[in-house]
Amino acid sequence: MPCPQHHGKHPWWFTTAISTEDAEVEYGDDPRPDQWCLGKGSLICEMRDGPPANARLIASAPELLAALESAAELAEGAIKLLRQLNMESGRIAAECVLRDARAAIARATGGNAS
């Protein structure tokens, strides 16, 4: 979501906060310009000194994790098939994809690659 106070003043202020979909900004009686809160919803994280692409990446993390899990599942199936067909170079390539997908899943979830 855009920064409620600084939106439009700088390109990076457009996507500085990631919130739940039901978030609603409220302004209180505080005269300071940066005083706002969420009257509804939750703030997930706030971006500081980074490009807008980082905010979009964080916001899309659940979909990216699901895509990695699907890629790992497909790679496992491909490995089995390529092993049956005795296609060694293809199997090795699929194993590399599987290894990378599992490592990324482990980094994203704080777990171990399985």
PDB file of N, CA and C in Angstrom:
ATOM      1  N   MET A   1       0.848  -1.178   0.000  1.00  0.00           N
ATOM      2  CA  MET A   1       0.000   0.000   0.000  1.00  0.00           C
ATOM      3  C   MET A   1       0.888   1.233   0.000  1.00  0.00           C
ATOM      4  N   PRO A   2       0.417   2.347  -0.523  1.00  0.00           N
ATOM      5  CA  PRO A   2       1.217   3.563  -0.516  1.00  0.00           C
ATOM      6  C   PRO A   2       1.370   4.100   0.908  1.00  0.00           C
ATOM      7  N   CYS A   3       2.436   4.811   1.142  1.00  0.00           N
ATOM      8  CA  CYS A   3       2.601   5.491   2.423  1.00  0.00           C
ATOM      9  C   CYS A   3       1.499   6.552   2.528  1.00  0.00           C
ATOM     10  N   PRO A   4       0.676   6.514   3.559  1.00  0.00           N
ATOM     11  CA  PRO A   4      -0.430   7.469   3.665  1.00  0.00           C
ATOM     12  C   PRO A   4       0.026   8.929   3.722  1.00  0.00           C
ATOM     13  N   GLN A   5       1.202   9.187   4.228  1.00  0.00           N
ATOM     14  CA  GLN A   5       1.652  10.567   4.379  1.00  0.00           C
ATOM     15  C   GLN A   5       2.533  11.059   3.236  1.00  0.00           C
ATOM     16  N   HIS A   6       3.267  10.175   2.588  1.00  0.00           N
ATOM     17  CA  HIS A   6       4.273  10.608   1.627  1.00  0.00           C
ATOM     18  C   HIS A   6       4.000  10.174   0.188  1.00  0.00           C
ATOM     19  N   HIS A   7       2.891   9.530  -0.060  1.00  0.00           N
ATOM     20  CA  HIS A   7       2.550   9.060  -1.398  1.00  0.00           C
ATOM     21  C   HIS A   7       2.608  10.219  -2.399  1.00  0.00           C
ATOM     22  N   GLY A   8       3.282   9.995  -3.512  1.00  0.00           N
ATOM     23  CA  GLY A   8       3.368  10.998  -4.556  1.00  0.00           C
ATOM     24  C   GLY A   8       4.559  11.932  -4.436  1.00  0.00           C
ATOM     25  N   LYS A   9       5.244  11.913  -3.296  1.00  0.00           N
ATOM     26  CA  LYS A   9       6.386  12.801  -3.112  1.00  0.00           C
ATOM     27  C   LYS A   9       7.672  12.213  -3.664  1.00  0.00           C
ATOM     28  N   HIS A  10       7.725  10.899  -3.764  1.00  0.00           N
ATOM     29  CA  HIS A  10       8.911  10.216  -4.273  1.00  0.00           C
ATOM     30  C   HIS A  10       8.433   8.865  -4.802  1.00  0.00           C
ATOM     31  N   PRO A  11       9.012   8.375  -5.911  1.00  0.00           N
ATOM     32  CA  PRO A  11       8.525   7.104  -6.483  1.00  0.00           C
ATOM     33  C   PRO A  11       8.551   5.930  -5.510  1.00  0.00           C
ATOM     34  N   TRP A  12       9.519   5.893  -4.620  1.00  0.00           N
ATOM     35  CA  TRP A  12       9.620   4.756  -3.701  1.00  0.00           C
ATOM     36  C   TRP A  12       8.578   4.786  -2.600  1.00  0.00           C
ATOM     37  N   TRP A  13       7.942   5.909  -2.397  1.00  0.00           N
ATOM     38  CA  TRP A  13       6.935   5.979  -1.346  1.00  0.00           C
ATOM     39  C   TRP A  13       5.615   5.353  -1.767  1.00  0.00           C
ATOM     40  N   PHE A  14       5.543   4.899  -3.017  1.00  0.00           N
ATOM     41  CA  PHE A  14       4.291   4.321  -3.474  1.00  0.00           C
ATOM     42  C   PHE A  14       4.031   2.951  -2.846  1.00  0.00           C
ATOM     43  N   THR A  15       5.056   2.168  -2.627  1.00  0.00           N
ATOM     44  CA  THR A  15       4.861   0.816  -2.089  1.00  0.00           C
ATOM     45  C   THR A  15       5.778   0.608  -0.899  1.00  0.00           C
ATOM     46  N   THR A  16       5.536   1.317   0.166  1.00  0.00           N
ATOM     47  CA  THR A  16       6.410   1.196   1.320  1.00  0.00           C
ATOM     48  C   THR A  16       5.869   0.281   2.396  1.00  0.00           C
ATOM     49  N   ALA A  17       4.601  -0.018   2.366  1.00  0.00           N
ATOM     50  CA  ALA A  17       4.014  -0.855   3.406  1.00  0.00           C
ATOM     51  C   ALA A  17       3.271  -2.018   2.763  1.00  0.00           C
ATOM     52  N   ILE A  18       3.407  -3.171   3.382  1.00  0.00           N
ATOM     53  CA  ILE A  18       2.658  -4.341   2.943  1.00  0.00           C
ATOM     54  C   ILE A  18       1.710  -4.689   4.078  1.00  0.00           C
ATOM     55  N   SER A  19       0.432  -4.734   3.753  1.00  0.00           N
ATOM     56  CA  SER A  19      -0.582  -4.959   4.770  1.00  0.00           C
ATOM     57  C   SER A  19      -1.535  -6.054   4.317  1.00  0.00           C
ATOM     58  N   THR A  20      -2.382  -6.464   5.236  1.00  0.00           N
ATOM     59  CA  THR A  20      -3.441  -7.396   4.870  1.00  0.00           C
ATOM     60  C   THR A  20      -4.434  -6.660   3.975  1.00  0.00           C
ATOM     61  N   GLU A  21      -5.197  -7.408   3.206  1.00  0.00           N
ATOM     62  CA  GLU A  21      -6.118  -6.797   2.231  1.00  0.00           C
ATOM     63  C   GLU A  21      -7.173  -5.905   2.884  1.00  0.00           C
ATOM     64  N   ASP A  22      -7.528  -6.196   4.118  1.00  0.00           N
ATOM     65  CA  ASP A  22      -8.593  -5.436   4.777  1.00  0.00           C
ATOM     66  C   ASP A  22      -8.083  -4.174   5.477  1.00  0.00           C
ATOM     67  N   ALA A  23      -6.828  -3.791   5.264  1.00  0.00           N
ATOM     68  CA  ALA A  23      -6.245  -2.656   5.966  1.00  0.00           C
ATOM     69  C   ALA A  23      -6.926  -1.339   5.608  1.00  0.00           C
ATOM     70  N   GLU A  24      -7.172  -0.549   6.629  1.00  0.00           N
ATOM     71  CA  GLU A  24      -7.734   0.791   6.456  1.00  0.00           C
ATOM     72  C   GLU A  24      -6.936   1.752   7.322  1.00  0.00           C
ATOM     73  N   VAL A  25      -6.446   2.804   6.699  1.00  0.00           N
ATOM     74  CA  VAL A  25      -5.628   3.794   7.399  1.00  0.00           C
ATOM     75  C   VAL A  25      -6.523   4.762   8.169  1.00  0.00           C
ATOM     76  N   GLU A  26      -6.083   5.084   9.391  1.00  0.00           N
ATOM     77  CA  GLU A  26      -6.777   6.084  10.204  1.00  0.00           C
ATOM     78  C   GLU A  26      -5.767   7.131  10.643  1.00  0.00           C
ATOM     79  N   TYR A  27      -6.222   8.354  10.708  1.00  0.00           N
ATOM     80  CA  TYR A  27      -5.402   9.455  11.210  1.00  0.00           C
ATOM     81  C   TYR A  27      -5.977   9.884  12.550  1.00  0.00           C
ATOM     82  N   GLY A  28      -5.094  10.092  13.513  1.00  0.00           N
ATOM     83  CA  GLY A  28      -5.565  10.521  14.828  1.00  0.00           C
ATOM     84  C   GLY A  28      -5.523  12.032  14.966  1.00  0.00           C
ATOM     85  N   ASP A  29      -5.611  12.496  16.190  1.00  0.00           N
ATOM     86  CA  ASP A  29      -5.591  13.926  16.480  1.00  0.00           C
ATOM     87  C   ASP A  29      -4.170  14.463  16.613  1.00  0.00           C
ATOM     88  N   ASP A  30      -3.187  13.601  16.493  1.00  0.00           N
ATOM     89  CA  ASP A  30      -1.789  14.006  16.648  1.00  0.00           C
ATOM     90  C   ASP A  30      -1.413  14.974  15.531  1.00  0.00           C
ATOM     91  N   PRO A  31      -0.894  16.150  15.852  1.00  0.00           N
ATOM     92  CA  PRO A  31      -0.567  17.137  14.818  1.00  0.00           C
ATOM     93  C   PRO A  31       0.680  16.804  14.003  1.00  0.00           C
ATOM     94  N   ARG A  32       1.484  15.851  14.448  1.00  0.00           N
ATOM     95  CA  ARG A  32       2.685  15.497  13.684  1.00  0.00           C
ATOM     96  C   ARG A  32       2.268  14.862  12.367  1.00  0.00           C
ATOM     97  N   PRO A  33       2.985  15.176  11.272  1.00  0.00           N
ATOM     98  CA  PRO A  33       2.541  14.717   9.950  1.00  0.00           C
ATOM     99  C   PRO A  33       2.663  13.220   9.713  1.00  0.00           C
ATOM    100  N   ASP A  34       3.505  12.542  10.429  1.00  0.00           N
ATOM    101  CA  ASP A  34       3.721  11.113  10.169  1.00  0.00           C
ATOM    102  C   ASP A  34       2.892  10.203  11.061  1.00  0.00           C
ATOM    103  N   GLN A  35       1.898  10.719  11.734  1.00  0.00           N
ATOM    104  CA  GLN A  35       1.145   9.905  12.681  1.00  0.00           C
ATOM    105  C   GLN A  35      -0.116   9.346  12.040  1.00  0.00           C
ATOM    106  N   TRP A  36      -0.088   8.088  11.763  1.00  0.00           N
ATOM    107  CA  TRP A  36      -1.225   7.363  11.231  1.00  0.00           C
ATOM    108  C   TRP A  36      -1.149   5.949  11.769  1.00  0.00           C
ATOM    109  N   CYS A  37      -2.232   5.243  11.702  1.00  0.00           N
ATOM    110  CA  CYS A  37      -2.246   3.846  12.140  1.00  0.00           C
ATOM    111  C   CYS A  37      -3.273   3.107  11.286  1.00  0.00           C
ATOM    112  N   LEU A  38      -3.335   1.830  11.478  1.00  0.00           N
ATOM    113  CA  LEU A  38      -4.341   1.042  10.779  1.00  0.00           C
ATOM    114  C   LEU A  38      -5.526   0.863  11.712  1.00  0.00           C
ATOM    115  N   GLY A  39      -6.668   1.319  11.269  1.00  0.00           N
ATOM    116  CA  GLY A  39      -7.881   1.139  12.051  1.00  0.00           C
ATOM    117  C   GLY A  39      -8.439  -0.259  11.883  1.00  0.00           C
ATOM    118  N   LYS A  40      -8.054  -0.888  10.798  1.00  0.00           N
ATOM    119  CA  LYS A  40      -8.516  -2.237  10.495  1.00  0.00           C
ATOM    120  C   LYS A  40      -7.388  -2.935   9.750  1.00  0.00           C
ATOM    121  N   GLY A  41      -7.263  -4.224   9.926  1.00  0.00           N
ATOM    122  CA  GLY A  41      -6.228  -4.984   9.239  1.00  0.00           C
ATOM    123  C   GLY A  41      -4.922  -4.977  10.002  1.00  0.00           C
ATOM    124  N   SER A  42      -3.891  -5.465   9.340  1.00  0.00           N
ATOM    125  CA  SER A  42      -2.583  -5.576   9.977  1.00  0.00           C
ATOM    126  C   SER A  42      -1.485  -5.161   9.017  1.00  0.00           C
ATOM    127  N   LEU A  43      -0.444  -4.586   9.572  1.00  0.00           N
ATOM    128  CA  LEU A  43       0.741  -4.259   8.805  1.00  0.00           C
ATOM    129  C   LEU A  43       1.663  -5.473   8.839  1.00  0.00           C
ATOM    130  N   ILE A  44       2.036  -5.980   7.682  1.00  0.00           N
ATOM    131  CA  ILE A  44       2.903  -7.154   7.602  1.00  0.00           C
ATOM    132  C   ILE A  44       4.361  -6.733   7.673  1.00  0.00           C
ATOM    133  N   CYS A  45       4.735  -5.737   6.896  1.00  0.00           N
ATOM    134  CA  CYS A  45       6.089  -5.204   6.967  1.00  0.00           C
ATOM    135  C   CYS A  45       6.118  -3.832   6.326  1.00  0.00           C
ATOM    136  N   GLU A  46       7.186  -3.124   6.573  1.00  0.00           N
ATOM    137  CA  GLU A  46       7.352  -1.792   6.024  1.00  0.00           C
ATOM    138  C   GLU A  46       8.707  -1.739   5.334  1.00  0.00           C
ATOM    139  N   MET A  47       8.721  -1.272   4.102  1.00  0.00           N
ATOM    140  CA  MET A  47       9.959  -1.189   3.333  1.00  0.00           C
ATOM    141  C   MET A  47      10.650   0.126   3.651  1.00  0.00           C
ATOM    142  N   ARG A  48      11.957   0.077   3.755  1.00  0.00           N
ATOM    143  CA  ARG A  48      12.734   1.281   3.998  1.00  0.00           C
ATOM    144  C   ARG A  48      13.936   1.291   3.067  1.00  0.00           C
ATOM    145  N   ASP A  49      14.109   2.388   2.352  1.00  0.00           N
ATOM    146  CA  ASP A  49      15.278   2.587   1.502  1.00  0.00           C
ATOM    147  C   ASP A  49      15.503   1.440   0.521  1.00  0.00           C
ATOM    148  N   GLY A  50      14.476   1.031  -0.144  1.00  0.00           N
ATOM    149  CA  GLY A  50      14.617  -0.031  -1.130  1.00  0.00           C
ATOM    150  C   GLY A  50      13.698   0.203  -2.308  1.00  0.00           C
ATOM    151  N   PRO A  51      13.970  -0.454  -3.404  1.00  0.00           N
ATOM    152  CA  PRO A  51      13.139  -0.267  -4.601  1.00  0.00           C
ATOM    153  C   PRO A  51      11.751  -0.884  -4.436  1.00  0.00           C
ATOM    154  N   PRO A  52      10.771  -0.353  -5.147  1.00  0.00           N
ATOM    155  CA  PRO A  52       9.405  -0.890  -5.064  1.00  0.00           C
ATOM    156  C   PRO A  52       9.322  -2.376  -5.417  1.00  0.00           C
ATOM    157  N   ALA A  53      10.233  -2.854  -6.254  1.00  0.00           N
ATOM    158  CA  ALA A  53      10.201  -4.272  -6.626  1.00  0.00           C
ATOM    159  C   ALA A  53      10.350  -5.167  -5.396  1.00  0.00           C
ATOM    160  N   ASN A  54      11.080  -4.718  -4.389  1.00  0.00           N
ATOM    161  CA  ASN A  54      11.232  -5.529  -3.173  1.00  0.00           C
ATOM    162  C   ASN A  54       9.893  -5.700  -2.464  1.00  0.00           C
ATOM    163  N   ALA A  55       9.107  -4.647  -2.408  1.00  0.00           N
ATOM    164  CA  ALA A  55       7.798  -4.730  -1.766  1.00  0.00           C
ATOM    165  C   ALA A  55       6.887  -5.691  -2.528  1.00  0.00           C
ATOM    166  N   ARG A  56       6.912  -5.611  -3.853  1.00  0.00           N
ATOM    167  CA  ARG A  56       6.086  -6.522  -4.659  1.00  0.00           C
ATOM    168  C   ARG A  56       6.544  -7.967  -4.478  1.00  0.00           C
ATOM    169  N   LEU A  57       7.845  -8.174  -4.370  1.00  0.00           N
ATOM    170  CA  LEU A  57       8.374  -9.516  -4.167  1.00  0.00           C
ATOM    171  C   LEU A  57       7.908 -10.092  -2.831  1.00  0.00           C
ATOM    172  N   ILE A  58       7.974  -9.299  -1.788  1.00  0.00           N
ATOM    173  CA  ILE A  58       7.525  -9.762  -0.471  1.00  0.00           C
ATOM    174  C   ILE A  58       6.026 -10.041  -0.489  1.00  0.00           C
ATOM    175  N   ALA A  59       5.277  -9.168  -1.112  1.00  0.00           N
ATOM    176  CA  ALA A  59       3.819  -9.356  -1.164  1.00  0.00           C
ATOM    177  C   ALA A  59       3.433 -10.618  -1.928  1.00  0.00           C
ATOM    178  N   SER A  60       4.233 -10.994  -2.917  1.00  0.00           N
ATOM    179  CA  SER A  60       3.900 -12.175  -3.716  1.00  0.00           C
ATOM    180  C   SER A  60       4.547 -13.448  -3.179  1.00  0.00           C
ATOM    181  N   ALA A  61       5.184 -13.378  -2.025  1.00  0.00           N
ATOM    182  CA  ALA A  61       5.889 -14.533  -1.470  1.00  0.00           C
ATOM    183  C   ALA A  61       5.031 -15.799  -1.367  1.00  0.00           C
ATOM    184  N   PRO A  62       3.788 -15.735  -0.916  1.00  0.00           N
ATOM    185  CA  PRO A  62       3.006 -16.984  -0.840  1.00  0.00           C
ATOM    186  C   PRO A  62       2.837 -17.664  -2.198  1.00  0.00           C
ATOM    187  N   GLU A  63       2.595 -16.869  -3.244  1.00  0.00           N
ATOM    188  CA  GLU A  63       2.448 -17.445  -4.577  1.00  0.00           C
ATOM    189  C   GLU A  63       3.777 -17.991  -5.083  1.00  0.00           C
ATOM    190  N   LEU A  64       4.861 -17.289  -4.784  1.00  0.00           N
ATOM    191  CA  LEU A  64       6.185 -17.763  -5.206  1.00  0.00           C
ATOM    192  C   LEU A  64       6.537 -19.076  -4.515  1.00  0.00           C
ATOM    193  N   LEU A  65       6.220 -19.188  -3.238  1.00  0.00           N
ATOM    194  CA  LEU A  65       6.493 -20.432  -2.517  1.00  0.00           C
ATOM    195  C   LEU A  65       5.681 -21.580  -3.112  1.00  0.00           C
ATOM    196  N   ALA A  66       4.423 -21.337  -3.426  1.00  0.00           N
ATOM    197  CA  ALA A  66       3.595 -22.375  -4.042  1.00  0.00           C
ATOM    198  C   ALA A  66       4.168 -22.787  -5.396  1.00  0.00           C
ATOM    199  N   ALA A  67       4.673 -21.819  -6.171  1.00  0.00           N
ATOM    200  CA  ALA A  67       5.273 -22.136  -7.470  1.00  0.00           C
ATOM    201  C   ALA A  67       6.541 -22.961  -7.294  1.00  0.00           C
ATOM    202  N   LEU A  68       7.345 -22.639  -6.293  1.00  0.00           N
ATOM    203  CA  LEU A  68       8.555 -23.435  -6.027  1.00  0.00           C
ATOM    204  C   LEU A  68       8.194 -24.871  -5.634  1.00  0.00           C
ATOM    205  N   GLU A  69       7.174 -25.004  -4.815  1.00  0.00           N
ATOM    206  CA  GLU A  69       6.758 -26.346  -4.394  1.00  0.00           C
ATOM    207  C   GLU A  69       6.253 -27.146  -5.594  1.00  0.00           C
ATOM    208  N   SER A  70       5.507 -26.496  -6.495  1.00  0.00           N
ATOM    209  CA  SER A  70       5.049 -27.173  -7.710  1.00  0.00           C
ATOM    210  C   SER A  70       6.219 -27.550  -8.605  1.00  0.00           C
ATOM    211  N   ALA A  71       7.203 -26.654  -8.730  1.00  0.00           N
ATOM    212  CA  ALA A  71       8.392 -26.945  -9.544  1.00  0.00           C
ATOM    213  C   ALA A  71       9.153 -28.131  -8.975  1.00  0.00           C
ATOM    214  N   ALA A  72       9.262 -28.200  -7.667  1.00  0.00           N
ATOM    215  CA  ALA A  72       9.965 -29.322  -7.035  1.00  0.00           C
ATOM    216  C   ALA A  72       9.218 -30.632  -7.302  1.00  0.00           C
ATOM    217  N   GLU A  73       7.913 -30.597  -7.199  1.00  0.00           N
ATOM    218  CA  GLU A  73       7.106 -31.792  -7.454  1.00  0.00           C
ATOM    219  C   GLU A  73       7.245 -32.251  -8.908  1.00  0.00           C
ATOM    220  N   LEU A  74       7.188 -31.295  -9.837  1.00  0.00           N
ATOM    221  CA  LEU A  74       7.356 -31.639 -11.253  1.00  0.00           C
ATOM    222  C   LEU A  74       8.756 -32.182 -11.527  1.00  0.00           C
ATOM    223  N   ALA A  75       9.766 -31.596 -10.906  1.00  0.00           N
ATOM    224  CA  ALA A  75      11.138 -32.069 -11.096  1.00  0.00           C
ATOM    225  C   ALA A  75      11.289 -33.488 -10.580  1.00  0.00           C
ATOM    226  N   GLU A  76      10.667 -33.810  -9.460  1.00  0.00           N
ATOM    227  CA  GLU A  76      10.730 -35.180  -8.932  1.00  0.00           C
ATOM    228  C   GLU A  76      10.139 -36.167  -9.936  1.00  0.00           C
ATOM    229  N   GLY A  77       8.989 -35.820 -10.512  1.00  0.00           N
ATOM    230  CA  GLY A  77       8.372 -36.692 -11.516  1.00  0.00           C
ATOM    231  C   GLY A  77       9.234 -36.828 -12.760  1.00  0.00           C
ATOM    232  N   ALA A  78       9.835 -35.714 -13.177  1.00  0.00           N
ATOM    233  CA  ALA A  78      10.703 -35.747 -14.360  1.00  0.00           C
ATOM    234  C   ALA A  78      11.918 -36.625 -14.106  1.00  0.00           C
ATOM    235  N   ILE A  79      12.470 -36.552 -12.926  1.00  0.00           N
ATOM    236  CA  ILE A  79      13.645 -37.375 -12.589  1.00  0.00           C
ATOM    237  C   ILE A  79      13.311 -38.853 -12.699  1.00  0.00           C
ATOM    238  N   LYS A  80      12.160 -39.246 -12.159  1.00  0.00           N
ATOM    239  CA  LYS A  80      11.749 -40.649 -12.234  1.00  0.00           C
ATOM    240  C   LYS A  80      11.596 -41.102 -13.685  1.00  0.00           C
ATOM    241  N   LEU A  81      10.929 -40.263 -14.481  1.00  0.00           N
ATOM    242  CA  LEU A  81      10.709 -40.606 -15.883  1.00  0.00           C
ATOM    243  C   LEU A  81      12.039 -40.665 -16.646  1.00  0.00           C
ATOM    244  N   LEU A  82      12.885 -39.678 -16.460  1.00  0.00           N
ATOM    245  CA  LEU A  82      14.172 -39.641 -17.161  1.00  0.00           C
ATOM    246  C   LEU A  82      15.081 -40.792 -16.743  1.00  0.00           C
ATOM    247  N   ARG A  83      14.959 -41.218 -15.495  1.00  0.00           N
ATOM    248  CA  ARG A  83      15.724 -42.377 -15.029  1.00  0.00           C
ATOM    249  C   ARG A  83      15.244 -43.641 -15.763  1.00  0.00           C
ATOM    250  N   GLN A  84      13.919 -43.782 -15.909  1.00  0.00           N
ATOM    251  CA  GLN A  84      13.362 -44.940 -16.616  1.00  0.00           C
ATOM    252  C   GLN A  84      13.770 -44.948 -18.087  1.00  0.00           C
ATOM    253  N   LEU A  85      13.858 -43.761 -18.681  1.00  0.00           N
ATOM    254  CA  LEU A  85      14.227 -43.655 -20.085  1.00  0.00           C
ATOM    255  C   LEU A  85      15.738 -43.646 -20.296  1.00  0.00           C
ATOM    256  N   ASN A  86      16.465 -43.735 -19.210  1.00  0.00           N
ATOM    257  CA  ASN A  86      17.933 -43.750 -19.259  1.00  0.00           C
ATOM    258  C   ASN A  86      18.483 -42.490 -19.946  1.00  0.00           C
ATOM    259  N   MET A  87      17.879 -41.364 -19.635  1.00  0.00           N
ATOM    260  CA  MET A  87      18.318 -40.086 -20.197  1.00  0.00           C
ATOM    261  C   MET A  87      19.099 -39.332 -19.115  1.00  0.00           C
ATOM    262  N   GLU A  88      20.374 -39.660 -19.051  1.00  0.00           N
ATOM    263  CA  GLU A  88      21.227 -39.187 -17.961  1.00  0.00           C
ATOM    264  C   GLU A  88      21.365 -37.666 -17.910  1.00  0.00           C
ATOM    265  N   SER A  89      21.601 -37.012 -19.041  1.00  0.00           N
ATOM    266  CA  SER A  89      21.815 -35.561 -19.008  1.00  0.00           C
ATOM    267  C   SER A  89      20.542 -34.819 -18.593  1.00  0.00           C
ATOM    268  N   GLY A  90      19.403 -35.281 -19.056  1.00  0.00           N
ATOM    269  CA  GLY A  90      18.137 -34.670 -18.653  1.00  0.00           C
ATOM    270  C   GLY A  90      17.855 -34.875 -17.181  1.00  0.00           C
ATOM    271  N   ARG A  91      18.175 -36.101 -16.699  1.00  0.00           N
ATOM    272  CA  ARG A  91      17.966 -36.393 -15.278  1.00  0.00           C
ATOM    273  C   ARG A  91      18.842 -35.500 -14.417  1.00  0.00           C
ATOM    274  N   ILE A  92      20.083 -35.319 -14.817  1.00  0.00           N
ATOM    275  CA  ILE A  92      21.003 -34.481 -14.046  1.00  0.00           C
ATOM    276  C   ILE A  92      20.491 -33.038 -14.011  1.00  0.00           C
ATOM    277  N   ALA A  93      20.001 -32.531 -15.145  1.00  0.00           N
ATOM    278  CA  ALA A  93      19.459 -31.177 -15.193  1.00  0.00           C
ATOM    279  C   ALA A  93      18.245 -31.043 -14.274  1.00  0.00           C
ATOM    280  N   ALA A  94      17.357 -32.047 -14.301  1.00  0.00           N
ATOM    281  CA  ALA A  94      16.170 -32.020 -13.444  1.00  0.00           C
ATOM    282  C   ALA A  94      16.558 -32.094 -11.971  1.00  0.00           C
ATOM    283  N   GLU A  95      17.601 -32.847 -11.655  1.00  0.00           N
ATOM    284  CA  GLU A  95      18.077 -32.920 -10.268  1.00  0.00           C
ATOM    285  C   GLU A  95      18.620 -31.567  -9.803  1.00  0.00           C
ATOM    286  N   CYS A  96      19.250 -30.828 -10.706  1.00  0.00           N
ATOM    287  CA  CYS A  96      19.739 -29.485 -10.364  1.00  0.00           C
ATOM    288  C   CYS A  96      18.564 -28.548 -10.075  1.00  0.00           C
ATOM    289  N   VAL A  97      17.527 -28.634 -10.900  1.00  0.00           N
ATOM    290  CA  VAL A  97      16.330 -27.818 -10.669  1.00  0.00           C
ATOM    291  C   VAL A  97      15.712 -28.173  -9.328  1.00  0.00           C
ATOM    292  N   LEU A  98      15.599 -29.465  -9.045  1.00  0.00           N
ATOM    293  CA  LEU A  98      15.015 -29.920  -7.788  1.00  0.00           C
ATOM    294  C   LEU A  98      15.846 -29.439  -6.601  1.00  0.00           C
ATOM    295  N   ARG A  99      17.160 -29.552  -6.695  1.00  0.00           N
ATOM    296  CA  ARG A  99      18.045 -29.108  -5.608  1.00  0.00           C
ATOM    297  C   ARG A  99      17.864 -27.613  -5.349  1.00  0.00           C
ATOM    298  N   ASP A 100      17.839 -26.822  -6.424  1.00  0.00           N
ATOM    299  CA  ASP A 100      17.690 -25.374  -6.270  1.00  0.00           C
ATOM    300  C   ASP A 100      16.322 -25.003  -5.698  1.00  0.00           C
ATOM    301  N   ALA A 101      15.271 -25.682  -6.166  1.00  0.00           N
ATOM    302  CA  ALA A 101      13.924 -25.401  -5.660  1.00  0.00           C
ATOM    303  C   ALA A 101      13.823 -25.751  -4.183  1.00  0.00           C
ATOM    304  N   ARG A 102      14.362 -26.894  -3.797  1.00  0.00           N
ATOM    305  CA  ARG A 102      14.321 -27.293  -2.380  1.00  0.00           C
ATOM    306  C   ARG A 102      15.132 -26.335  -1.509  1.00  0.00           C
ATOM    307  N   ALA A 103      16.273 -25.879  -2.008  1.00  0.00           N
ATOM    308  CA  ALA A 103      17.092 -24.930  -1.242  1.00  0.00           C
ATOM    309  C   ALA A 103      16.343 -23.608  -1.061  1.00  0.00           C
ATOM    310  N   ALA A 104      15.677 -23.136  -2.095  1.00  0.00           N
ATOM    311  CA  ALA A 104      14.915 -21.889  -2.002  1.00  0.00           C
ATOM    312  C   ALA A 104      13.732 -22.044  -1.051  1.00  0.00           C
ATOM    313  N   ILE A 105      13.069 -23.193  -1.089  1.00  0.00           N
ATOM    314  CA  ILE A 105      11.963 -23.466  -0.169  1.00  0.00           C
ATOM    315  C   ILE A 105      12.480 -23.458   1.264  1.00  0.00           C
ATOM    316  N   ALA A 106      13.623 -24.087   1.489  1.00  0.00           N
ATOM    317  CA  ALA A 106      14.198 -24.132   2.835  1.00  0.00           C
ATOM    318  C   ALA A 106      14.544 -22.728   3.332  1.00  0.00           C
ATOM    319  N   ARG A 107      15.117 -21.898   2.459  1.00  0.00           N
ATOM    320  CA  ARG A 107      15.444 -20.519   2.856  1.00  0.00           C
ATOM    321  C   ARG A 107      14.168 -19.738   3.177  1.00  0.00           C
ATOM    322  N   ALA A 108      13.130 -19.946   2.383  1.00  0.00           N
ATOM    323  CA  ALA A 108      11.886 -19.208   2.562  1.00  0.00           C
ATOM    324  C   ALA A 108      11.134 -19.629   3.821  1.00  0.00           C
ATOM    325  N   THR A 109      11.241 -20.886   4.175  1.00  0.00           N
ATOM    326  CA  THR A 109      10.463 -21.393   5.299  1.00  0.00           C
ATOM    327  C   THR A 109      11.269 -21.573   6.573  1.00  0.00           C
ATOM    328  N   GLY A 110      12.578 -21.372   6.474  1.00  0.00           N
ATOM    329  CA  GLY A 110      13.426 -21.564   7.646  1.00  0.00           C
ATOM    330  C   GLY A 110      13.676 -23.032   7.950  1.00  0.00           C
ATOM    331  N   GLY A 111      13.319 -23.890   7.031  1.00  0.00           N
ATOM    332  CA  GLY A 111      13.490 -25.336   7.230  1.00  0.00           C
ATOM    333  C   GLY A 111      14.692 -25.843   6.485  1.00  0.00           C
ATOM    334  N   ASN A 112      14.764 -27.118   6.376  1.00  0.00           N
ATOM    335  CA  ASN A 112      15.854 -27.766   5.641  1.00  0.00           C
ATOM    336  C   ASN A 112      15.330 -28.268   4.323  1.00  0.00           C
ATOM    337  N   ALA A 113      16.175 -28.227   3.319  1.00  0.00           N
ATOM    338  CA  ALA A 113      15.801 -28.788   2.030  1.00  0.00           C
ATOM    339  C   ALA A 113      15.677 -30.297   2.193  1.00  0.00           C
ATOM    340  N   SER A 114      14.592 -30.869   1.673  1.00  0.00           N
ATOM    341  CA  SER A 114      14.414 -32.318   1.806  1.00  0.00           C
ATOM    342  C   SER A 114      14.619 -33.011   0.485  1.00  0.00           C
TER     343      SER A 114
END
